[in-house]
Amino acid sequence: MSKSFLSAGEFAGLAAITPRHAQRVLEGFAHRKSWQGFLGAVRTCTGRGGKSGLRYEVLLSSLPEALQRAFKGDLEDEPSTAIVPYDAPSLLPVPASNQGAKIAARWRILEPIANTLPNTLERGEAKREACRIHGIPLDTLNKWVRRAELSGWNVNAMAHQKPRDAGQSRKVISREFDKAFLAM
């Protein structure tokens, strides 16, 4: 029997992180937040742990190859555990239609930083200079840089993401029904 989903505890052991951190990482995956540059596929199931008896489990084949190899090393007696090449899902956001000016403004701020190498004195100096000139907090600038690096410096990563339910009705029951129900 090959195991396809890992619990938060098993993921913590593979990734060498604490179990609580692993739970937060899996919860982040469920909300489309990446961790160390990848986005794992998760499911919720009932069981011990978690809010209201729900827990997160991550799909083994959605993890990077290094973690899959570490898991396969744990199960040497099970040759059916295949290592699937990691194909990173698209982390590029689809910007909302009114974000053009915001994208352009942020790109003007980040362009000097994009021309430097990560973890260098030049990058640090470029960040401090951008903060000083534009009056942006360093934490905000670091968040923009991280988001841009994850997307390969795609300018669309600097905008607010278009809602997943854009164009869909957000009301299940009509306003007329609500009025009639409250009147009863």
Protein backbone atom coordinates (compact mmCIF):
# COMPACT_ATOMS: atom_id res chain seq x y z
CA MET A 1 0.00 0.00 0.00
CA SER A 2 1.56 3.30 -0.99
CA LYS A 3 0.87 6.36 1.09
CA SER A 4 -0.21 9.40 -0.90
CA PHE A 5 -1.10 11.95 1.84
CA LEU A 6 1.05 12.95 4.80
CA SER A 7 -0.15 14.34 8.12
CA ALA A 8 1.30 17.55 9.55
CA GLY A 9 3.49 15.53 11.91
CA GLU A 10 4.95 13.44 9.09
CA PHE A 11 5.51 16.58 7.00
CA ALA A 12 7.26 18.20 9.98
CA GLY A 13 9.64 15.26 10.22
CA LEU A 14 10.50 15.43 6.52
CA ALA A 15 10.91 19.21 6.40
CA ALA A 16 12.80 19.37 9.74
CA ILE A 17 10.38 21.89 11.25
CA THR A 18 8.23 21.84 14.37
CA PRO A 19 4.83 20.15 14.20
CA ARG A 20 3.06 23.45 14.94
CA HIS A 21 4.94 25.17 12.11
CA ALA A 22 4.00 22.28 9.81
CA GLN A 23 0.32 22.76 10.70
CA ARG A 24 0.57 26.46 9.82
CA VAL A 25 2.36 25.64 6.54
CA LEU A 26 -0.36 23.17 5.53
CA GLU A 27 -3.06 25.67 6.47
CA GLY A 28 -1.23 28.22 4.31
CA PHE A 29 -1.23 25.76 1.39
CA ALA A 30 -5.01 25.52 1.75
CA HIS A 31 -5.19 29.31 1.36
CA ARG A 32 -2.80 29.31 -1.67
CA LYS A 33 0.21 30.64 0.27
CA SER A 34 3.58 29.26 -0.72
CA TRP A 35 6.28 28.02 1.64
CA GLN A 36 9.94 28.07 0.57
CA GLY A 37 8.91 28.67 -3.02
CA PHE A 38 6.46 25.82 -3.47
CA LEU A 39 2.76 25.31 -3.01
CA GLY A 40 1.60 21.89 -1.84
CA ALA A 41 -1.80 20.35 -2.48
CA VAL A 42 -3.69 19.72 0.75
CA ARG A 43 -6.96 18.18 1.82
CA THR A 44 -8.92 18.37 5.05
CA CYS A 45 -10.18 15.30 6.81
CA THR A 46 -11.77 14.51 10.13
CA GLY A 47 -9.55 13.16 12.82
CA ARG A 48 -7.56 14.10 15.86
CA GLY A 49 -6.14 17.59 16.02
CA GLY A 50 -7.07 20.81 14.43
CA LYS A 51 -10.09 23.02 14.77
CA SER A 52 -13.37 21.11 15.23
CA GLY A 53 -11.65 17.80 14.54
CA LEU A 54 -10.43 18.82 11.08
CA ARG A 55 -6.82 18.33 10.09
CA TYR A 56 -4.77 19.06 7.00
CA GLU A 57 -2.90 16.45 4.98
CA VAL A 58 -0.50 17.23 2.14
CA LEU A 59 -0.26 15.26 -1.10
CA LEU A 60 3.14 13.57 -1.29
CA SER A 61 3.50 14.08 -5.05
CA SER A 62 2.96 17.85 -4.64
CA LEU A 63 6.09 18.18 -2.48
CA PRO A 64 9.55 18.94 -3.93
CA GLU A 65 11.65 15.97 -4.98
CA ALA A 66 14.00 16.29 -1.99
CA LEU A 67 11.14 15.78 0.47
CA GLN A 68 9.73 12.93 -1.62
CA ARG A 69 13.15 11.24 -1.60
CA ALA A 70 13.38 11.69 2.16
CA PHE A 71 9.97 10.04 2.54
CA LYS A 72 10.88 7.20 0.19
CA GLY A 73 14.02 6.61 2.24
CA ASP A 74 11.76 6.10 5.27
CA LEU A 75 9.76 3.46 3.40
CA GLU A 76 12.46 1.36 1.75
CA ASP A 77 10.32 -1.75 2.17
CA GLU A 78 7.62 -0.18 -0.04
CA PRO A 79 8.99 0.04 -3.61
CA SER A 80 5.64 1.32 -4.93
CA THR A 81 6.20 4.84 -3.57
CA ALA A 82 7.06 6.65 -6.79
CA ILE A 83 8.95 9.92 -6.85
CA VAL A 84 7.04 12.37 -8.99
CA PRO A 85 9.04 15.27 -10.45
CA TYR A 86 8.00 18.48 -8.77
CA ASP A 87 6.07 20.72 -11.11
CA ALA A 88 5.59 24.04 -9.36
CA PRO A 89 2.07 25.37 -9.71
CA SER A 90 1.63 28.85 -11.01
CA LEU A 91 2.06 31.34 -8.20
CA LEU A 92 1.52 34.30 -10.49
CA PRO A 93 -1.45 36.35 -9.39
CA VAL A 94 -4.01 37.62 -11.84
CA PRO A 95 -4.22 41.33 -11.09
CA ALA A 96 -7.52 43.10 -10.73
CA SER A 97 -8.37 45.39 -13.64
CA ASN A 98 -7.86 48.59 -11.62
CA GLN A 99 -4.30 47.79 -10.53
CA GLY A 100 -2.27 49.26 -13.42
CA ALA A 101 -1.21 52.43 -11.60
CA LYS A 102 -0.27 50.47 -8.46
CA ILE A 103 1.82 48.02 -10.48
CA ALA A 104 3.67 50.85 -12.24
CA ALA A 105 4.35 52.72 -8.98
CA ARG A 106 5.66 49.63 -7.20
CA TRP A 107 7.80 48.63 -10.17
CA ARG A 108 9.47 52.08 -10.16
CA ILE A 109 10.35 51.49 -6.51
CA LEU A 110 11.54 47.89 -7.01
CA GLU A 111 13.45 48.28 -10.28
CA PRO A 112 16.77 49.32 -8.65
CA ILE A 113 16.43 46.39 -6.23
CA ALA A 114 15.73 43.93 -9.06
CA ASN A 115 19.08 44.82 -10.62
CA THR A 116 21.01 43.58 -7.56
CA LEU A 117 21.78 40.06 -6.37
CA PRO A 118 19.97 38.65 -3.32
CA ASN A 119 21.73 38.75 0.06
CA THR A 120 24.35 41.29 -0.99
CA LEU A 121 25.37 44.63 0.44
CA GLU A 122 24.19 46.30 -2.77
CA ARG A 123 20.68 44.88 -2.34
CA GLY A 124 20.55 46.04 1.28
CA GLU A 125 21.70 49.52 0.31
CA ALA A 126 19.16 49.65 -2.55
CA LYS A 127 16.37 48.68 -0.12
CA ARG A 128 17.38 51.30 2.44
CA GLU A 129 17.60 53.95 -0.28
CA ALA A 130 14.14 53.02 -1.62
CA CYS A 131 12.67 53.20 1.89
CA ARG A 132 14.25 56.60 2.48
CA ILE A 133 13.21 58.14 -0.84
CA HIS A 134 9.67 56.74 -1.07
CA GLY A 135 8.81 56.61 2.65
CA ILE A 136 7.92 52.91 2.63
CA PRO A 137 8.50 50.71 5.71
CA LEU A 138 11.26 48.14 5.24
CA ASP A 139 8.89 45.26 6.13
CA THR A 140 6.52 46.28 3.33
CA LEU A 141 9.37 46.57 0.86
CA ASN A 142 10.72 43.14 1.86
CA LYS A 143 7.23 41.66 1.34
CA TRP A 144 7.09 43.16 -2.17
CA VAL A 145 10.58 41.87 -2.98
CA ARG A 146 9.73 38.34 -1.74
CA ARG A 147 6.53 38.29 -3.78
CA ALA A 148 8.38 39.55 -6.87
CA GLU A 149 11.18 36.99 -6.48
CA LEU A 150 8.70 34.11 -6.13
CA SER A 151 7.08 35.18 -9.38
CA GLY A 152 10.37 35.62 -11.23
CA TRP A 153 10.05 39.42 -11.07
CA ASN A 154 6.73 39.36 -12.90
CA VAL A 155 5.17 42.80 -12.56
CA ASN A 156 1.70 41.33 -11.99
CA ALA A 157 2.88 39.99 -8.63
CA MET A 158 2.96 43.56 -7.30
CA ALA A 159 -0.81 44.07 -7.53
CA HIS A 160 -3.73 42.91 -5.47
CA GLN A 161 -4.92 39.56 -6.73
CA LYS A 162 -8.22 39.35 -8.55
CA PRO A 163 -10.74 37.56 -6.28
CA ARG A 164 -11.31 33.92 -7.16
CA ASP A 165 -15.06 34.49 -7.08
CA ALA A 166 -14.98 37.61 -9.27
CA GLY A 167 -18.06 37.81 -11.47
CA GLN A 168 -20.00 35.27 -9.42
CA SER A 169 -23.03 36.09 -7.32
CA ARG A 170 -22.16 36.38 -3.64
CA LYS A 171 -25.76 36.07 -2.48
CA VAL A 172 -27.36 32.69 -2.12
CA ILE A 173 -30.73 34.05 -1.05
CA SER A 174 -32.24 37.15 -2.59
CA ARG A 175 -32.84 40.44 -0.84
CA GLU A 176 -36.60 40.00 -1.29
CA PHE A 177 -36.50 36.65 0.48
CA ASP A 178 -34.51 38.15 3.37
CA LYS A 179 -37.12 40.92 3.79
CA ALA A 180 -40.01 38.44 3.73
CA PHE A 181 -38.25 36.11 6.19
CA LEU A 182 -37.55 38.92 8.65
CA ALA A 183 -41.12 40.14 8.39
CA MET A 184 -42.51 36.75 9.46
